[in-house]
Amino acid sequence: MAAAFGQQKERFSLVLQVQPELTLHKNDYAFRWKEKKTLATLNMGINAAVQYNLTPRTSIDVGLGFISRRLNTTVFIDQSLLPPPYYDSTKILHTAKGVAFRTLQIPVGLSYSVVKTKRTNIFLRGAYVPNFLFNTKYEANNCPAFNKNTWQGQSLNLGFGFDYSLTEKIKLTSCLVYSFENTVARDKYTISQDERGIALTHRYLQLSAGGKIKL
């Protein structure tokens, strides 16, 4: 009975990672008919997760992460929609040269080992990630970060990773994923030439690197 409990306990691991990311976005959301190009900004996040091994090759994990995503982009801010004391009906339009989202991520992942040896493990990974937006900062007219506290959208990620065992209990781990689907809710403070409430859509290429500790 004790041995069975010990084997079950060893299926759990704690994962701690830093997450440098290239966030891919348009250079302009304000002028609807202007030619667009894709820009990439480098952002940094952190993540903590608990992993459970279903089989010797398959595992699931659930985590919490935080990232501040900055987009170097142009968008109009409607100051008549901002909360007090930043509301001003006489200064309707301001142009923001950048926007930063401070976001809580809740990744739920599934991994499958394709190559596994005594020390190394190469795996494929997919993840579903709900994104909760804490606040948004617009680089316009000395605006502060405005609290949002709402669900921003969800991401579907695919990628691959690599584990290397340092000891029986500790591993180095890294994973590179791309968000092939990333929904973004409309922002009620932003407008374009002919639309109110713009969705500042973006995708990302994210590297996770850190350690894994068997519990």
Protein backbone atom coordinates (compact mmCIF):
# COMPACT_ATOMS: atom_id res chain seq x y z
CA MET A 1 0.00 0.00 0.00
CA ALA A 2 2.81 2.43 0.96
CA ALA A 3 4.78 1.50 -2.16
CA ALA A 4 1.76 2.15 -4.36
CA PHE A 5 1.26 5.55 -2.74
CA GLY A 6 4.93 6.39 -3.30
CA GLN A 7 4.72 5.48 -6.99
CA GLN A 8 1.58 7.61 -7.37
CA LYS A 9 3.24 10.57 -5.63
CA GLU A 10 6.29 10.40 -7.93
CA ARG A 11 4.04 11.04 -10.91
CA PHE A 12 3.75 14.70 -9.86
CA SER A 13 6.34 17.37 -10.69
CA LEU A 14 6.59 21.10 -9.99
CA VAL A 15 7.67 23.17 -13.01
CA LEU A 16 9.10 26.71 -12.67
CA GLN A 17 9.97 28.66 -15.83
CA VAL A 18 10.79 32.06 -17.31
CA GLN A 19 9.10 32.76 -20.65
CA PRO A 20 10.75 35.12 -23.15
CA GLU A 21 8.35 35.72 -26.01
CA LEU A 22 8.17 37.30 -29.45
CA THR A 23 4.72 38.89 -29.71
CA LEU A 24 3.61 39.26 -33.35
CA HIS A 25 1.20 42.10 -34.16
CA LYS A 26 0.25 44.72 -36.75
CA ASN A 27 2.10 48.03 -36.82
CA ASP A 28 -1.18 49.96 -37.14
CA TYR A 29 -4.74 49.37 -35.91
CA ALA A 30 -5.93 52.97 -36.34
CA PHE A 31 -6.05 53.44 -40.11
CA ARG A 32 -8.19 50.61 -41.47
CA TRP A 33 -7.22 51.00 -45.13
CA LYS A 34 -3.52 51.71 -44.64
CA GLU A 35 -1.08 49.01 -45.71
CA LYS A 36 -0.04 46.93 -42.68
CA LYS A 37 3.08 45.03 -41.74
CA THR A 38 3.82 42.56 -38.96
CA LEU A 39 6.08 43.61 -36.10
CA ALA A 40 7.57 41.54 -33.27
CA THR A 41 8.21 42.78 -29.73
CA LEU A 42 10.26 40.93 -27.13
CA ASN A 43 8.35 40.43 -23.87
CA MET A 44 9.01 38.41 -20.71
CA GLY A 45 6.78 36.26 -18.53
CA ILE A 46 6.95 33.68 -15.74
CA ASN A 47 5.07 30.43 -15.20
CA ALA A 48 4.57 27.83 -12.45
CA ALA A 49 2.82 24.52 -13.12
CA VAL A 50 2.11 21.09 -11.71
CA GLN A 51 2.68 18.18 -14.09
CA TYR A 52 1.17 14.72 -13.75
CA ASN A 53 2.48 11.70 -15.67
CA LEU A 54 -0.42 9.68 -17.05
CA THR A 55 1.90 7.08 -18.62
CA PRO A 56 5.70 6.84 -19.09
CA ARG A 57 5.30 8.93 -22.29
CA THR A 58 2.19 11.07 -21.70
CA SER A 59 1.69 13.87 -19.18
CA ILE A 60 -0.75 16.69 -18.43
CA ASP A 61 -0.07 19.95 -16.63
CA VAL A 62 -1.94 22.94 -15.22
CA GLY A 63 -0.25 26.23 -14.41
CA LEU A 64 -0.41 29.94 -13.68
CA GLY A 65 1.64 32.47 -15.59
CA PHE A 66 2.02 36.23 -15.85
CA ILE A 67 3.23 38.28 -18.80
CA SER A 68 3.26 41.94 -19.80
CA ARG A 69 2.82 42.07 -23.58
CA ARG A 70 3.77 45.34 -25.25
CA LEU A 71 2.64 46.02 -28.83
CA ASN A 72 4.53 48.71 -30.78
CA THR A 73 1.51 49.83 -32.72
CA THR A 74 -0.64 52.84 -33.57
CA VAL A 75 -4.23 53.04 -32.34
CA PHE A 76 -6.69 55.86 -31.61
CA ILE A 77 -7.83 56.39 -28.02
CA ASP A 78 -11.27 57.94 -27.52
CA GLN A 79 -10.76 60.13 -24.46
CA SER A 80 -14.51 60.68 -24.11
CA LEU A 81 -14.78 57.00 -23.11
CA LEU A 82 -12.02 56.97 -20.49
CA PRO A 83 -12.93 56.84 -16.78
CA PRO A 84 -12.55 59.98 -14.60
CA PRO A 85 -10.36 61.94 -14.20
CA TYR A 86 -9.06 61.14 -17.70
CA TYR A 87 -12.44 61.60 -19.38
CA ASP A 88 -12.54 64.68 -21.64
CA SER A 89 -15.30 65.24 -24.19
CA THR A 90 -13.38 68.13 -25.79
CA LYS A 91 -10.31 66.02 -26.62
CA ILE A 92 -11.89 63.06 -28.31
CA LEU A 93 -8.95 61.54 -30.18
CA HIS A 94 -5.41 60.72 -29.10
CA THR A 95 -2.99 58.48 -30.94
CA ALA A 96 -1.25 55.82 -28.85
CA LYS A 97 2.15 54.67 -30.11
CA GLY A 98 2.11 51.54 -28.02
CA VAL A 99 -0.14 49.35 -25.85
CA ALA A 100 0.81 46.98 -23.00
CA PHE A 101 -1.40 44.15 -21.73
CA ARG A 102 -0.69 42.73 -18.27
CA THR A 103 -2.12 39.25 -18.45
CA LEU A 104 -2.64 36.18 -16.26
CA GLN A 105 -2.36 32.94 -18.23
CA ILE A 106 -3.81 29.61 -17.10
CA PRO A 107 -2.24 26.97 -19.37
CA VAL A 108 -3.64 23.43 -19.52
CA GLY A 109 -1.22 21.27 -21.47
CA LEU A 110 -0.73 17.78 -22.86
CA SER A 111 2.73 16.43 -23.71
CA TYR A 112 3.88 13.26 -25.48
CA SER A 113 7.46 11.97 -25.45
CA VAL A 114 8.76 11.03 -28.90
CA VAL A 115 12.35 10.27 -27.85
CA LYS A 116 13.16 9.21 -24.30
CA THR A 117 16.42 8.00 -22.78
CA LYS A 118 17.75 7.74 -19.24
CA ARG A 119 18.72 11.45 -19.13
CA THR A 120 16.92 13.14 -22.02
CA ASN A 121 13.33 13.50 -23.17
CA ILE A 122 12.15 15.16 -26.39
CA PHE A 123 8.42 15.80 -26.43
CA LEU A 124 5.58 17.35 -28.39
CA ARG A 125 3.26 19.72 -26.56
CA GLY A 126 -0.18 21.22 -27.05
CA ALA A 127 -1.90 23.65 -24.68
CA TYR A 128 -5.17 25.49 -24.17
CA VAL A 129 -4.58 28.86 -22.46
CA PRO A 130 -7.34 31.14 -21.13
CA ASN A 131 -6.03 34.71 -20.76
CA PHE A 132 -7.26 37.05 -18.00
CA LEU A 133 -6.45 40.74 -18.53
CA PHE A 134 -5.52 42.68 -15.37
CA ASN A 135 -4.93 46.06 -16.98
CA THR A 136 -3.95 47.88 -20.17
CA LYS A 137 -1.57 50.81 -20.55
CA TYR A 138 -1.87 53.11 -23.57
CA GLU A 139 1.13 55.24 -24.50
CA ALA A 140 -0.88 58.42 -25.09
CA ASN A 141 -1.41 61.67 -23.16
CA ASN A 142 0.35 60.36 -20.02
CA CYS A 143 -2.39 57.78 -19.47
CA PRO A 144 -1.86 55.34 -16.59
CA ALA A 145 -2.63 51.64 -16.74
CA PHE A 146 -6.42 51.19 -16.68
CA ASN A 147 -7.82 48.22 -14.76
CA LYS A 148 -9.75 45.76 -16.90
CA ASN A 149 -10.10 42.56 -14.80
CA THR A 150 -11.81 40.64 -17.57
CA TRP A 151 -11.23 37.63 -19.80
CA GLN A 152 -9.23 38.78 -22.80
CA GLY A 153 -9.46 35.61 -24.86
CA GLN A 154 -7.88 32.20 -25.28
CA SER A 155 -4.87 30.66 -27.00
CA LEU A 156 -4.23 27.31 -28.65
CA ASN A 157 -0.51 26.48 -28.67
CA LEU A 158 1.58 23.79 -30.36
CA GLY A 159 5.28 23.12 -30.02
CA PHE A 160 8.05 20.86 -28.82
CA GLY A 161 10.35 20.64 -25.84
CA PHE A 162 13.37 19.04 -24.21
CA ASP A 163 14.09 17.74 -20.69
CA TYR A 164 17.52 16.90 -19.29
CA SER A 165 17.91 15.07 -15.96
CA LEU A 166 20.47 16.52 -13.56
CA THR A 167 19.55 14.15 -10.72
CA GLU A 168 16.83 11.62 -10.05
CA LYS A 169 14.58 14.43 -8.78
CA ILE A 170 15.64 17.52 -10.78
CA LYS A 171 15.48 18.24 -14.51
CA LEU A 172 16.23 21.17 -16.76
CA THR A 173 13.30 21.77 -19.10
CA SER A 174 12.59 23.98 -22.10
CA CYS A 175 9.77 24.24 -24.61
CA LEU A 176 9.06 26.37 -27.70
CA VAL A 177 5.41 26.94 -28.69
CA TYR A 178 3.51 29.01 -31.26
CA SER A 179 -0.02 30.29 -30.71
CA PHE A 180 -1.67 29.21 -33.94
CA GLU A 181 -4.96 30.56 -32.54
CA ASN A 182 -5.21 33.53 -30.15
CA THR A 183 -8.53 35.32 -29.67
CA VAL A 184 -8.52 38.88 -28.30
CA ALA A 185 -11.56 40.74 -26.97
CA ARG A 186 -12.43 44.22 -28.23
CA ASP A 187 -11.02 47.17 -26.28
CA LYS A 188 -13.81 49.69 -25.69
CA TYR A 189 -11.38 52.66 -25.33
CA THR A 190 -9.89 52.20 -28.82
CA ILE A 191 -11.26 53.22 -32.20
CA SER A 192 -10.17 53.19 -35.83
CA GLN A 193 -11.26 55.24 -38.83
CA ASP A 194 -14.65 53.55 -39.01
CA GLU A 195 -15.01 51.24 -36.00
CA ARG A 196 -15.30 51.55 -32.22
CA GLY A 197 -13.88 48.97 -29.89
CA ILE A 198 -10.89 47.48 -31.71
CA ALA A 199 -9.54 43.99 -31.02
CA LEU A 200 -5.76 44.37 -30.92
CA THR A 201 -5.14 40.90 -32.33
CA HIS A 202 -1.73 39.27 -31.94
CA ARG A 203 0.01 35.90 -31.80
CA TYR A 204 3.22 34.80 -30.13
CA LEU A 205 6.24 32.54 -30.27
CA GLN A 206 7.08 31.66 -26.67
CA LEU A 207 10.09 29.92 -25.13
CA SER A 208 9.71 28.41 -21.65
CA ALA A 209 12.94 27.56 -19.81
CA GLY A 210 13.50 26.47 -16.24
CA GLY A 211 13.48 23.52 -13.91
CA LYS A 212 11.30 20.55 -13.05
CA ILE A 213 11.29 19.02 -9.57
CA LYS A 214 9.77 15.59 -8.93
CA LEU A 215 7.46 15.69 -5.90
